[in-house]
Amino acid sequence: MPKQVDHRERRETIARALWRVVEQRGVGNLSLREVAREAGMSHGQLQHYFTTREAMLTFAMDFAAEQAGRRVEHGLAELGDPPHPRDVLRVMLTEMLPLHADARATSRMSAAFVLEALHDEHIHARARDGITQGRATVEQLIRRAIADGYVPADRDPVIETNLLLALTGFTPLLELDVIEPRDTLTAIDHYLDRLFTDKKAAPGTPPA
């Protein structure tokens, strides 16, 4: 019996190879041939799954987003039930930053995708939609936190969302060793402590 090929698994293998090319050699070396070499397959084999660089890059970005989402879910599962909204936002924000190996791969993949988006209308639309959806999720969490009394009612949820996401600007400072991860986490905690001035526990959480 011929061996059955798991096409999804092959695509994920290619995506991980693409991540390594971006991380180790830069987006300038991102080609079908280079990724095929990194994945340990021929150019023709890779083209069976992705016929264009754009298709390969788009799948790799979608896969990176899936992996980031799973890491967030894992982080949230370790919180209380229900989790405090401050902790939820902290998990989401820290997973956007290159603070560990998996997050670094995702972060660098995102940077490569944005660079491509500047010169490709289709990728631009995909990247914009993804970022817009992510931003909407954060804003929804902040609006709920205001409604539930965790955040003062006079805070503007749009402004607070933008300020929170602005903290992802730590990425180049981390990547270029300008600041240490602990300094980034201190700044994030400082911002969240200022936002969540009401320290009430999450509904249903027993008192300490």
N, C-alpha and C. Protein backbone atom coordinates (compact mmCIF):
# COMPACT_ATOMS: atom_id res chain seq x y z
N MET A 1 0.85 -1.19 0.00
CA MET A 1 0.00 0.00 0.00
C MET A 1 0.89 1.25 0.00
N PRO A 2 0.64 2.17 -0.92
CA PRO A 2 1.42 3.40 -0.91
C PRO A 2 1.14 4.21 0.35
N LYS A 3 2.15 4.88 0.84
CA LYS A 3 2.01 5.68 2.05
C LYS A 3 1.09 6.88 1.79
N GLN A 4 0.11 7.07 2.67
CA GLN A 4 -0.80 8.20 2.55
C GLN A 4 -0.09 9.48 2.99
N VAL A 5 -0.25 10.52 2.21
CA VAL A 5 0.39 11.79 2.52
C VAL A 5 -0.62 12.72 3.19
N ASP A 6 -0.25 13.24 4.34
CA ASP A 6 -1.09 14.20 5.04
C ASP A 6 -0.76 15.58 4.47
N HIS A 7 -1.63 16.07 3.61
CA HIS A 7 -1.34 17.32 2.91
C HIS A 7 -1.30 18.51 3.86
N ARG A 8 -2.15 18.52 4.86
CA ARG A 8 -2.11 19.60 5.84
C ARG A 8 -0.77 19.59 6.58
N GLU A 9 -0.31 18.40 6.95
CA GLU A 9 0.96 18.29 7.66
C GLU A 9 2.11 18.78 6.77
N ARG A 10 2.07 18.45 5.48
CA ARG A 10 3.11 18.91 4.56
C ARG A 10 3.10 20.44 4.46
N ARG A 11 1.90 21.02 4.39
CA ARG A 11 1.82 22.48 4.31
C ARG A 11 2.37 23.13 5.58
N GLU A 12 2.09 22.52 6.72
CA GLU A 12 2.61 23.06 7.98
C GLU A 12 4.14 22.92 8.03
N THR A 13 4.66 21.82 7.49
CA THR A 13 6.12 21.65 7.43
C THR A 13 6.74 22.75 6.58
N ILE A 14 6.11 23.05 5.46
CA ILE A 14 6.60 24.12 4.59
C ILE A 14 6.51 25.46 5.30
N ALA A 15 5.41 25.69 6.00
CA ALA A 15 5.24 26.96 6.73
C ALA A 15 6.33 27.13 7.77
N ARG A 16 6.64 26.06 8.51
CA ARG A 16 7.69 26.16 9.52
C ARG A 16 9.06 26.40 8.88
N ALA A 17 9.27 25.79 7.72
CA ALA A 17 10.52 26.04 7.00
C ALA A 17 10.61 27.49 6.57
N LEU A 18 9.48 28.04 6.13
CA LEU A 18 9.44 29.45 5.74
C LEU A 18 9.76 30.33 6.94
N TRP A 19 9.20 30.01 8.10
CA TRP A 19 9.51 30.77 9.31
C TRP A 19 11.01 30.78 9.57
N ARG A 20 11.64 29.61 9.42
CA ARG A 20 13.08 29.52 9.70
C ARG A 20 13.88 30.35 8.72
N VAL A 21 13.48 30.35 7.45
CA VAL A 21 14.18 31.17 6.46
C VAL A 21 14.09 32.64 6.85
N VAL A 22 12.87 33.09 7.20
CA VAL A 22 12.68 34.49 7.59
C VAL A 22 13.50 34.81 8.83
N GLU A 23 13.46 33.92 9.83
CA GLU A 23 14.13 34.18 11.09
C GLU A 23 15.65 34.16 10.96
N GLN A 24 16.17 33.22 10.17
CA GLN A 24 17.61 33.03 10.12
C GLN A 24 18.29 33.82 9.00
N ARG A 25 17.56 34.01 7.87
CA ARG A 25 18.23 34.63 6.72
C ARG A 25 17.52 35.87 6.19
N GLY A 26 16.36 36.17 6.73
CA GLY A 26 15.68 37.40 6.35
C GLY A 26 14.70 37.21 5.21
N VAL A 27 13.75 38.16 5.12
CA VAL A 27 12.69 38.06 4.12
C VAL A 27 13.24 38.19 2.70
N GLY A 28 14.41 38.80 2.55
CA GLY A 28 15.01 38.95 1.23
C GLY A 28 15.36 37.62 0.59
N ASN A 29 15.52 36.58 1.41
CA ASN A 29 15.85 35.24 0.90
C ASN A 29 14.64 34.33 0.80
N LEU A 30 13.47 34.93 0.89
CA LEU A 30 12.24 34.14 0.90
C LEU A 30 11.79 33.84 -0.53
N SER A 31 12.09 32.64 -0.97
CA SER A 31 11.69 32.19 -2.30
C SER A 31 11.21 30.75 -2.20
N LEU A 32 10.49 30.29 -3.21
CA LEU A 32 10.03 28.90 -3.22
C LEU A 32 11.20 27.94 -3.12
N ARG A 33 12.26 28.21 -3.87
CA ARG A 33 13.41 27.30 -3.88
C ARG A 33 14.10 27.28 -2.51
N GLU A 34 14.25 28.46 -1.90
CA GLU A 34 14.93 28.52 -0.60
C GLU A 34 14.12 27.80 0.47
N VAL A 35 12.82 27.99 0.46
CA VAL A 35 11.97 27.32 1.43
C VAL A 35 11.95 25.81 1.18
N ALA A 36 11.90 25.40 -0.08
CA ALA A 36 11.94 23.97 -0.40
C ALA A 36 13.23 23.34 0.13
N ARG A 37 14.34 24.03 -0.05
CA ARG A 37 15.62 23.52 0.44
C ARG A 37 15.59 23.38 1.96
N GLU A 38 15.04 24.38 2.63
CA GLU A 38 14.95 24.36 4.10
C GLU A 38 14.02 23.25 4.58
N ALA A 39 12.97 22.98 3.80
CA ALA A 39 11.99 21.95 4.18
C ALA A 39 12.47 20.54 3.81
N GLY A 40 13.59 20.44 3.08
CA GLY A 40 14.11 19.13 2.70
C GLY A 40 13.33 18.47 1.59
N MET A 41 12.82 19.28 0.66
CA MET A 41 12.08 18.73 -0.47
C MET A 41 12.51 19.45 -1.74
N SER A 42 12.11 18.92 -2.87
CA SER A 42 12.46 19.55 -4.13
C SER A 42 11.54 20.73 -4.41
N HIS A 43 12.00 21.57 -5.32
CA HIS A 43 11.17 22.72 -5.73
C HIS A 43 9.85 22.23 -6.30
N GLY A 44 9.89 21.16 -7.07
CA GLY A 44 8.67 20.62 -7.66
C GLY A 44 7.71 20.09 -6.61
N GLN A 45 8.25 19.42 -5.58
CA GLN A 45 7.39 18.93 -4.51
C GLN A 45 6.69 20.07 -3.79
N LEU A 46 7.41 21.13 -3.53
CA LEU A 46 6.81 22.28 -2.85
C LEU A 46 5.71 22.90 -3.71
N GLN A 47 5.95 22.99 -5.01
CA GLN A 47 4.96 23.60 -5.90
C GLN A 47 3.68 22.78 -6.00
N HIS A 48 3.74 21.53 -5.57
CA HIS A 48 2.51 20.72 -5.51
C HIS A 48 1.55 21.29 -4.47
N TYR A 49 2.11 21.98 -3.46
CA TYR A 49 1.30 22.55 -2.38
C TYR A 49 1.10 24.06 -2.53
N PHE A 50 2.11 24.73 -3.03
CA PHE A 50 2.03 26.19 -3.22
C PHE A 50 2.66 26.54 -4.56
N THR A 51 1.86 27.09 -5.44
CA THR A 51 2.37 27.42 -6.77
C THR A 51 2.99 28.80 -6.83
N THR A 52 2.69 29.64 -5.84
CA THR A 52 3.24 31.00 -5.83
C THR A 52 3.81 31.34 -4.46
N ARG A 53 4.71 32.27 -4.46
CA ARG A 53 5.28 32.78 -3.21
C ARG A 53 4.20 33.40 -2.34
N GLU A 54 3.27 34.09 -2.97
CA GLU A 54 2.19 34.75 -2.23
C GLU A 54 1.33 33.73 -1.49
N ALA A 55 0.96 32.64 -2.17
CA ALA A 55 0.13 31.61 -1.55
C ALA A 55 0.87 30.97 -0.37
N MET A 56 2.15 30.71 -0.55
CA MET A 56 2.95 30.11 0.51
C MET A 56 3.05 31.05 1.70
N LEU A 57 3.31 32.31 1.45
CA LEU A 57 3.45 33.29 2.52
C LEU A 57 2.13 33.48 3.26
N THR A 58 1.03 33.52 2.52
CA THR A 58 -0.28 33.71 3.15
C THR A 58 -0.62 32.55 4.06
N PHE A 59 -0.38 31.31 3.61
CA PHE A 59 -0.65 30.15 4.46
C PHE A 59 0.24 30.19 5.70
N ALA A 60 1.51 30.53 5.51
CA ALA A 60 2.44 30.57 6.64
C ALA A 60 2.00 31.60 7.67
N MET A 61 1.46 32.73 7.21
CA MET A 61 0.99 33.75 8.13
C MET A 61 -0.26 33.29 8.85
N ASP A 62 -1.18 32.65 8.12
CA ASP A 62 -2.39 32.12 8.75
C ASP A 62 -2.03 31.06 9.80
N PHE A 63 -1.07 30.22 9.47
CA PHE A 63 -0.65 29.16 10.40
C PHE A 63 0.01 29.77 11.64
N ALA A 64 0.80 30.83 11.43
CA ALA A 64 1.42 31.53 12.56
C ALA A 64 0.35 32.11 13.48
N ALA A 65 -0.69 32.68 12.89
CA ALA A 65 -1.79 33.24 13.68
C ALA A 65 -2.50 32.14 14.47
N GLU A 66 -2.68 30.96 13.85
CA GLU A 66 -3.30 29.84 14.54
C GLU A 66 -2.47 29.43 15.76
N GLN A 67 -1.16 29.34 15.56
CA GLN A 67 -0.29 28.93 16.65
C GLN A 67 -0.30 29.95 17.78
N ALA A 68 -0.31 31.24 17.42
CA ALA A 68 -0.38 32.28 18.44
C ALA A 68 -1.69 32.18 19.21
N GLY A 69 -2.77 31.91 18.49
CA GLY A 69 -4.07 31.75 19.14
C GLY A 69 -4.07 30.59 20.12
N ARG A 70 -3.42 29.50 19.76
CA ARG A 70 -3.35 28.35 20.66
C ARG A 70 -2.54 28.68 21.90
N ARG A 71 -1.46 29.46 21.73
CA ARG A 71 -0.66 29.84 22.89
C ARG A 71 -1.48 30.74 23.82
N VAL A 72 -2.27 31.63 23.25
CA VAL A 72 -3.13 32.49 24.06
C VAL A 72 -4.15 31.64 24.81
N GLU A 73 -4.77 30.68 24.12
CA GLU A 73 -5.75 29.80 24.77
C GLU A 73 -5.10 29.03 25.92
N HIS A 74 -3.88 28.57 25.70
CA HIS A 74 -3.17 27.83 26.76
C HIS A 74 -2.91 28.76 27.94
N GLY A 75 -2.49 30.00 27.66
CA GLY A 75 -2.23 30.95 28.73
C GLY A 75 -3.49 31.29 29.50
N LEU A 76 -4.60 31.45 28.80
CA LEU A 76 -5.86 31.78 29.45
C LEU A 76 -6.35 30.62 30.31
N ALA A 77 -6.08 29.40 29.86
CA ALA A 77 -6.52 28.22 30.62
C ALA A 77 -5.83 28.13 31.97
N GLU A 78 -4.68 28.78 32.11
CA GLU A 78 -3.95 28.74 33.37
C GLU A 78 -4.40 29.83 34.33
N LEU A 79 -5.29 30.72 33.87
CA LEU A 79 -5.81 31.78 34.72
C LEU A 79 -6.99 31.27 35.53
N GLY A 80 -7.52 32.13 36.39
CA GLY A 80 -8.69 31.77 37.18
C GLY A 80 -9.91 31.61 36.30
N ASP A 81 -10.99 31.11 36.88
CA ASP A 81 -12.23 30.89 36.14
C ASP A 81 -13.38 31.58 36.88
N PRO A 82 -13.88 32.70 36.33
CA PRO A 82 -13.46 33.32 35.07
C PRO A 82 -12.19 34.15 35.27
N PRO A 83 -11.38 34.33 34.23
CA PRO A 83 -10.15 35.10 34.38
C PRO A 83 -10.42 36.59 34.51
N HIS A 84 -9.57 37.27 35.22
CA HIS A 84 -9.67 38.73 35.34
C HIS A 84 -9.32 39.34 33.98
N PRO A 85 -10.08 40.34 33.51
CA PRO A 85 -9.80 40.91 32.18
C PRO A 85 -8.40 41.50 32.05
N ARG A 86 -7.84 41.98 33.17
CA ARG A 86 -6.46 42.48 33.11
C ARG A 86 -5.50 41.36 32.70
N ASP A 87 -5.70 40.18 33.28
CA ASP A 87 -4.83 39.04 32.98
C ASP A 87 -5.03 38.56 31.54
N VAL A 88 -6.27 38.63 31.07
CA VAL A 88 -6.55 38.23 29.68
C VAL A 88 -5.79 39.13 28.72
N LEU A 89 -5.87 40.43 28.94
CA LEU A 89 -5.17 41.37 28.06
C LEU A 89 -3.66 41.20 28.16
N ARG A 90 -3.16 40.89 29.34
CA ARG A 90 -1.71 40.69 29.50
C ARG A 90 -1.24 39.49 28.69
N VAL A 91 -1.99 38.39 28.76
CA VAL A 91 -1.63 37.19 27.99
C VAL A 91 -1.64 37.51 26.49
N MET A 92 -2.68 38.17 26.03
CA MET A 92 -2.80 38.48 24.61
C MET A 92 -1.64 39.38 24.16
N LEU A 93 -1.34 40.39 24.96
CA LEU A 93 -0.30 41.33 24.56
C LEU A 93 1.08 40.70 24.56
N THR A 94 1.39 39.93 25.59
CA THR A 94 2.74 39.35 25.66
C THR A 94 2.97 38.32 24.56
N GLU A 95 1.89 37.67 24.08
CA GLU A 95 2.06 36.72 22.99
C GLU A 95 2.26 37.42 21.64
N MET A 96 2.02 38.72 21.57
CA MET A 96 2.30 39.48 20.36
C MET A 96 3.77 39.91 20.28
N LEU A 97 4.48 39.77 21.39
CA LEU A 97 5.86 40.25 21.47
C LEU A 97 6.85 39.08 21.42
N PRO A 98 8.05 39.31 20.89
CA PRO A 98 9.05 38.24 20.77
C PRO A 98 9.75 37.94 22.08
N LEU A 99 8.98 37.39 23.04
CA LEU A 99 9.52 37.16 24.38
C LEU A 99 9.96 35.72 24.59
N HIS A 100 9.67 34.83 23.64
CA HIS A 100 10.15 33.45 23.69
C HIS A 100 10.25 32.94 22.26
N ALA A 101 10.81 31.76 22.08
CA ALA A 101 11.16 31.28 20.73
C ALA A 101 9.95 31.22 19.79
N ASP A 102 8.84 30.64 20.25
CA ASP A 102 7.67 30.51 19.38
C ASP A 102 7.11 31.88 19.01
N ALA A 103 7.05 32.77 20.00
CA ALA A 103 6.53 34.11 19.74
C ALA A 103 7.46 34.90 18.82
N ARG A 104 8.77 34.66 18.93
CA ARG A 104 9.72 35.34 18.03
C ARG A 104 9.47 34.92 16.58
N ALA A 105 9.25 33.63 16.36
CA ALA A 105 8.99 33.15 15.00
C ALA A 105 7.73 33.79 14.45
N THR A 106 6.68 33.85 15.27
CA THR A 106 5.43 34.47 14.84
C THR A 106 5.61 35.95 14.58
N SER A 107 6.34 36.62 15.47
CA SER A 107 6.56 38.06 15.33
C SER A 107 7.33 38.39 14.06
N ARG A 108 8.36 37.63 13.77
CA ARG A 108 9.15 37.88 12.57
C ARG A 108 8.37 37.54 11.31
N MET A 109 7.51 36.52 11.42
CA MET A 109 6.64 36.19 10.30
C MET A 109 5.67 37.34 10.03
N SER A 110 5.15 37.92 11.09
CA SER A 110 4.23 39.05 10.94
C SER A 110 4.93 40.24 10.31
N ALA A 111 6.16 40.49 10.72
CA ALA A 111 6.92 41.62 10.15
C ALA A 111 7.15 41.40 8.65
N ALA A 112 7.48 40.16 8.27
CA ALA A 112 7.68 39.86 6.85
C ALA A 112 6.39 40.04 6.06
N PHE A 113 5.28 39.63 6.67
CA PHE A 113 3.98 39.73 6.01
C PHE A 113 3.61 41.20 5.79
N VAL A 114 3.89 42.04 6.78
CA VAL A 114 3.59 43.47 6.64
C VAL A 114 4.44 44.09 5.54
N LEU A 115 5.70 43.71 5.46
CA LEU A 115 6.57 44.24 4.40
C LEU A 115 6.03 43.86 3.02
N GLU A 116 5.59 42.60 2.90
CA GLU A 116 5.00 42.17 1.64
C GLU A 116 3.72 42.93 1.35
N ALA A 117 2.95 43.20 2.39
CA ALA A 117 1.66 43.87 2.23
C ALA A 117 1.80 45.28 1.66
N LEU A 118 2.94 45.89 1.90
CA LEU A 118 3.16 47.24 1.39
C LEU A 118 3.24 47.28 -0.13
N HIS A 119 3.49 46.13 -0.76
CA HIS A 119 3.69 46.10 -2.21
C HIS A 119 2.78 45.10 -2.93
N ASP A 120 1.83 44.53 -2.20
CA ASP A 120 0.93 43.55 -2.80
C ASP A 120 -0.48 43.80 -2.28
N GLU A 121 -1.40 44.14 -3.17
CA GLU A 121 -2.74 44.53 -2.75
C GLU A 121 -3.49 43.40 -2.06
N HIS A 122 -3.34 42.17 -2.57
CA HIS A 122 -4.04 41.04 -1.97
C HIS A 122 -3.54 40.77 -0.56
N ILE A 123 -2.22 40.74 -0.39
CA ILE A 123 -1.65 40.50 0.93
C ILE A 123 -1.99 41.67 1.85
N HIS A 124 -2.00 42.89 1.30
CA HIS A 124 -2.37 44.06 2.09
C HIS A 124 -3.77 43.88 2.67
N ALA A 125 -4.71 43.43 1.85
CA ALA A 125 -6.08 43.25 2.31
C ALA A 125 -6.16 42.17 3.39
N ARG A 126 -5.43 41.05 3.19
CA ARG A 126 -5.44 39.97 4.19
C ARG A 126 -4.83 40.44 5.51
N ALA A 127 -3.70 41.14 5.41
CA ALA A 127 -3.04 41.60 6.63
C ALA A 127 -3.90 42.62 7.36
N ARG A 128 -4.49 43.53 6.61
CA ARG A 128 -5.34 44.56 7.22
C ARG A 128 -6.54 43.94 7.91
N ASP A 129 -7.17 42.96 7.27
CA ASP A 129 -8.33 42.30 7.86
C ASP A 129 -7.95 41.59 9.16
N GLY A 130 -6.81 40.91 9.15
CA GLY A 130 -6.38 40.19 10.34
C GLY A 130 -6.09 41.13 11.50
N ILE A 131 -5.38 42.22 11.22
CA ILE A 131 -5.06 43.17 12.27
C ILE A 131 -6.31 43.87 12.77
N THR A 132 -7.22 44.19 11.84
CA THR A 132 -8.48 44.84 12.23
C THR A 132 -9.29 43.95 13.16
N GLN A 133 -9.35 42.65 12.85
CA GLN A 133 -10.08 41.72 13.71
C GLN A 133 -9.44 41.60 15.08
N GLY A 134 -8.12 41.54 15.10
CA GLY A 134 -7.42 41.46 16.38
C GLY A 134 -7.64 42.69 17.23
N ARG A 135 -7.60 43.86 16.58
CA ARG A 135 -7.83 45.09 17.31
C ARG A 135 -9.25 45.14 17.86
N ALA A 136 -10.21 44.68 17.07
CA ALA A 136 -11.61 44.68 17.50
C ALA A 136 -11.79 43.79 18.74
N THR A 137 -11.08 42.68 18.79
CA THR A 137 -11.16 41.79 19.95
C THR A 137 -10.67 42.49 21.21
N VAL A 138 -9.54 43.21 21.08
CA VAL A 138 -9.00 43.94 22.23
C VAL A 138 -9.97 45.04 22.66
N GLU A 139 -10.51 45.78 21.71
CA GLU A 139 -11.44 46.84 22.07
C GLU A 139 -12.69 46.28 22.76
N GLN A 140 -13.17 45.14 22.29
CA GLN A 140 -14.34 44.52 22.90
C GLN A 140 -14.06 44.15 24.36
N LEU A 141 -12.84 43.62 24.61
CA LEU A 141 -12.47 43.27 25.98
C LEU A 141 -12.43 44.50 26.88
N ILE A 142 -11.89 45.60 26.36
CA ILE A 142 -11.81 46.82 27.15
C ILE A 142 -13.21 47.40 27.40
N ARG A 143 -14.05 47.37 26.39
CA ARG A 143 -15.42 47.87 26.58
C ARG A 143 -16.15 47.04 27.65
N ARG A 144 -15.96 45.73 27.63
CA ARG A 144 -16.60 44.87 28.61
C ARG A 144 -16.04 45.17 30.01
N ALA A 145 -14.71 45.39 30.08
CA ALA A 145 -14.10 45.69 31.38
C ALA A 145 -14.65 47.00 31.94
N ILE A 146 -14.91 47.98 31.07
CA ILE A 146 -15.50 49.25 31.52
C ILE A 146 -16.93 49.00 32.01
N ALA A 147 -17.69 48.24 31.22
CA ALA A 147 -19.09 47.97 31.58
C ALA A 147 -19.19 47.19 32.89
N ASP A 148 -18.23 46.31 33.16
CA ASP A 148 -18.26 45.49 34.37
C ASP A 148 -17.62 46.17 35.57
N GLY A 149 -17.10 47.38 35.37
CA GLY A 149 -16.56 48.13 36.49
C GLY A 149 -15.11 47.90 36.82
N TYR A 150 -14.38 47.19 35.96
CA TYR A 150 -12.95 46.98 36.20
C TYR A 150 -12.12 48.20 35.81
N VAL A 151 -12.62 48.94 34.82
CA VAL A 151 -11.94 50.12 34.30
C VAL A 151 -12.87 51.31 34.49
N PRO A 152 -12.35 52.48 34.90
CA PRO A 152 -13.20 53.65 35.12
C PRO A 152 -14.05 53.98 33.90
N ALA A 153 -15.29 54.37 34.16
CA ALA A 153 -16.25 54.62 33.08
C ALA A 153 -15.88 55.79 32.20
N ASP A 154 -14.99 56.68 32.69
CA ASP A 154 -14.63 57.84 31.88
C ASP A 154 -13.50 57.55 30.89
N ARG A 155 -13.01 56.31 30.87
CA ARG A 155 -11.95 55.95 29.92
C ARG A 155 -12.56 55.73 28.53
N ASP A 156 -11.88 56.21 27.51
CA ASP A 156 -12.32 56.03 26.13
C ASP A 156 -11.79 54.69 25.63
N PRO A 157 -12.67 53.73 25.31
CA PRO A 157 -12.20 52.39 24.91
C PRO A 157 -11.38 52.41 23.62
N VAL A 158 -11.67 53.34 22.71
CA VAL A 158 -10.91 53.41 21.46
C VAL A 158 -9.48 53.87 21.75
N ILE A 159 -9.35 54.90 22.55
CA ILE A 159 -8.01 55.41 22.90
C ILE A 159 -7.23 54.36 23.69
N GLU A 160 -7.89 53.74 24.65
CA GLU A 160 -7.20 52.75 25.47
C GLU A 160 -6.76 51.54 24.64
N THR A 161 -7.58 51.16 23.68
CA THR A 161 -7.19 50.06 22.78
C THR A 161 -5.95 50.44 21.98
N ASN A 162 -5.95 51.65 21.44
CA ASN A 162 -4.80 52.08 20.65
C ASN A 162 -3.53 52.17 21.50
N LEU A 163 -3.67 52.66 22.73
CA LEU A 163 -2.51 52.75 23.61
C LEU A 163 -1.99 51.37 23.98
N LEU A 164 -2.92 50.45 24.24
CA LEU A 164 -2.50 49.09 24.59
C LEU A 164 -1.75 48.43 23.44
N LEU A 165 -2.29 48.54 22.23
CA LEU A 165 -1.64 47.93 21.07
C LEU A 165 -0.34 48.64 20.70
N ALA A 166 -0.23 49.90 21.10
CA ALA A 166 1.02 50.62 20.84
C ALA A 166 2.19 49.97 21.58
N LEU A 167 1.90 49.22 22.65
CA LEU A 167 2.95 48.54 23.39
C LEU A 167 3.62 47.45 22.56
N THR A 168 2.96 47.00 21.48
CA THR A 168 3.63 46.03 20.61
C THR A 168 4.81 46.68 19.88
N GLY A 169 4.90 48.01 19.98
CA GLY A 169 6.05 48.72 19.41
C GLY A 169 7.36 48.40 20.12
N PHE A 170 7.27 47.65 21.21
CA PHE A 170 8.49 47.17 21.87
C PHE A 170 9.22 46.14 21.02
N THR A 171 8.56 45.58 20.01
CA THR A 171 9.15 44.50 19.22
C THR A 171 10.55 44.83 18.68
N PRO A 172 10.73 45.94 17.93
CA PRO A 172 12.09 46.21 17.43
C PRO A 172 13.09 46.47 18.54
N LEU A 173 12.65 47.03 19.65
CA LEU A 173 13.57 47.27 20.77
C LEU A 173 14.05 45.95 21.36
N LEU A 174 13.15 44.97 21.41
CA LEU A 174 13.53 43.65 21.89
C LEU A 174 14.42 42.92 20.89
N GLU A 175 14.03 42.96 19.62
CA GLU A 175 14.77 42.24 18.58
C GLU A 175 16.20 42.78 18.43
N LEU A 176 16.39 44.06 18.66
CA LEU A 176 17.71 44.67 18.49
C LEU A 176 18.44 44.83 19.82
N ASP A 177 17.93 44.17 20.86
CA ASP A 177 18.58 44.15 22.18
C ASP A 177 18.77 45.54 22.77
N VAL A 178 17.82 46.42 22.50
CA VAL A 178 17.87 47.76 23.10
C VAL A 178 17.37 47.70 24.54
N ILE A 179 16.34 46.88 24.78
CA ILE A 179 15.82 46.70 26.13
C ILE A 179 15.70 45.21 26.42
N GLU A 180 15.58 44.90 27.71
CA GLU A 180 15.46 43.51 28.14
C GLU A 180 13.98 43.12 28.24
N PRO A 181 13.67 41.84 28.09
CA PRO A 181 12.28 41.40 28.24
C PRO A 181 11.63 41.84 29.54
N ARG A 182 12.41 41.82 30.63
CA ARG A 182 11.84 42.21 31.92
C ARG A 182 11.40 43.67 31.93
N ASP A 183 12.12 44.52 31.18
CA ASP A 183 11.74 45.93 31.10
C ASP A 183 10.42 46.08 30.34
N THR A 184 10.25 45.26 29.32
CA THR A 184 8.99 45.27 28.56
C THR A 184 7.83 44.84 29.43
N LEU A 185 8.01 43.77 30.17
CA LEU A 185 6.94 43.28 31.04
C LEU A 185 6.61 44.28 32.14
N THR A 186 7.63 44.97 32.64
CA THR A 186 7.39 46.00 33.65
C THR A 186 6.52 47.12 33.08
N ALA A 187 6.83 47.54 31.85
CA ALA A 187 6.06 48.61 31.22
C ALA A 187 4.62 48.16 30.96
N ILE A 188 4.44 46.92 30.51
CA ILE A 188 3.10 46.39 30.26
C ILE A 188 2.29 46.36 31.55
N ASP A 189 2.90 45.86 32.63
CA ASP A 189 2.20 45.79 33.90
C ASP A 189 1.87 47.18 34.43
N HIS A 190 2.79 48.12 34.22
CA HIS A 190 2.55 49.49 34.66
C HIS A 190 1.34 50.08 33.93
N TYR A 191 1.27 49.86 32.63
CA TYR A 191 0.13 50.38 31.86
C TYR A 191 -1.17 49.73 32.33
N LEU A 192 -1.18 48.41 32.47
CA LEU A 192 -2.39 47.71 32.88
C LEU A 192 -2.84 48.10 34.28
N ASP A 193 -1.87 48.34 35.17
CA ASP A 193 -2.22 48.78 36.53
C ASP A 193 -2.88 50.16 36.49
N ARG A 194 -2.44 51.01 35.58
CA ARG A 194 -3.05 52.33 35.46
C ARG A 194 -4.43 52.24 34.83
N LEU A 195 -4.61 51.30 33.88
CA LEU A 195 -5.90 51.14 33.23
C LEU A 195 -6.92 50.53 34.18
N PHE A 196 -6.53 49.46 34.87
CA PHE A 196 -7.43 48.77 35.78
C PHE A 196 -7.26 49.34 37.19
N THR A 197 -7.73 50.55 37.37
CA THR A 197 -7.58 51.20 38.67
C THR A 197 -8.50 50.58 39.71
N ASP A 198 -9.59 49.93 39.27
CA ASP A 198 -10.47 49.22 40.19
C ASP A 198 -9.97 47.79 40.30
N LYS A 199 -9.55 47.37 41.46
CA LYS A 199 -8.92 46.06 41.65
C LYS A 199 -9.93 44.97 41.99
N LYS A 200 -11.22 45.20 41.72
CA LYS A 200 -12.23 44.21 42.08
C LYS A 200 -11.92 42.86 41.44
N ALA A 201 -12.30 41.81 42.12
CA ALA A 201 -12.06 40.46 41.59
C ALA A 201 -13.06 40.14 40.50
N ALA A 202 -12.71 39.17 39.68
CA ALA A 202 -13.64 38.74 38.63
C ALA A 202 -14.88 38.15 39.28
N PRO A 203 -16.05 38.33 38.63
CA PRO A 203 -17.29 37.79 39.18
C PRO A 203 -17.16 36.29 39.46
N GLY A 204 -17.60 35.87 40.63
CA GLY A 204 -17.55 34.45 40.97
C GLY A 204 -16.23 34.01 41.57
N THR A 205 -15.23 34.93 41.65
CA THR A 205 -13.94 34.56 42.21
C THR A 205 -14.02 34.67 43.74
N PRO A 206 -13.63 33.65 44.47
CA PRO A 206 -13.70 33.73 45.94
C PRO A 206 -12.71 34.75 46.48
N PRO A 207 -13.02 35.40 47.57
CA PRO A 207 -12.10 36.38 48.15
C PRO A 207 -10.80 35.74 48.60
N ALA A 208 -9.74 36.53 48.56
CA ALA A 208 -8.43 36.00 48.95
C ALA A 208 -8.39 35.75 50.47
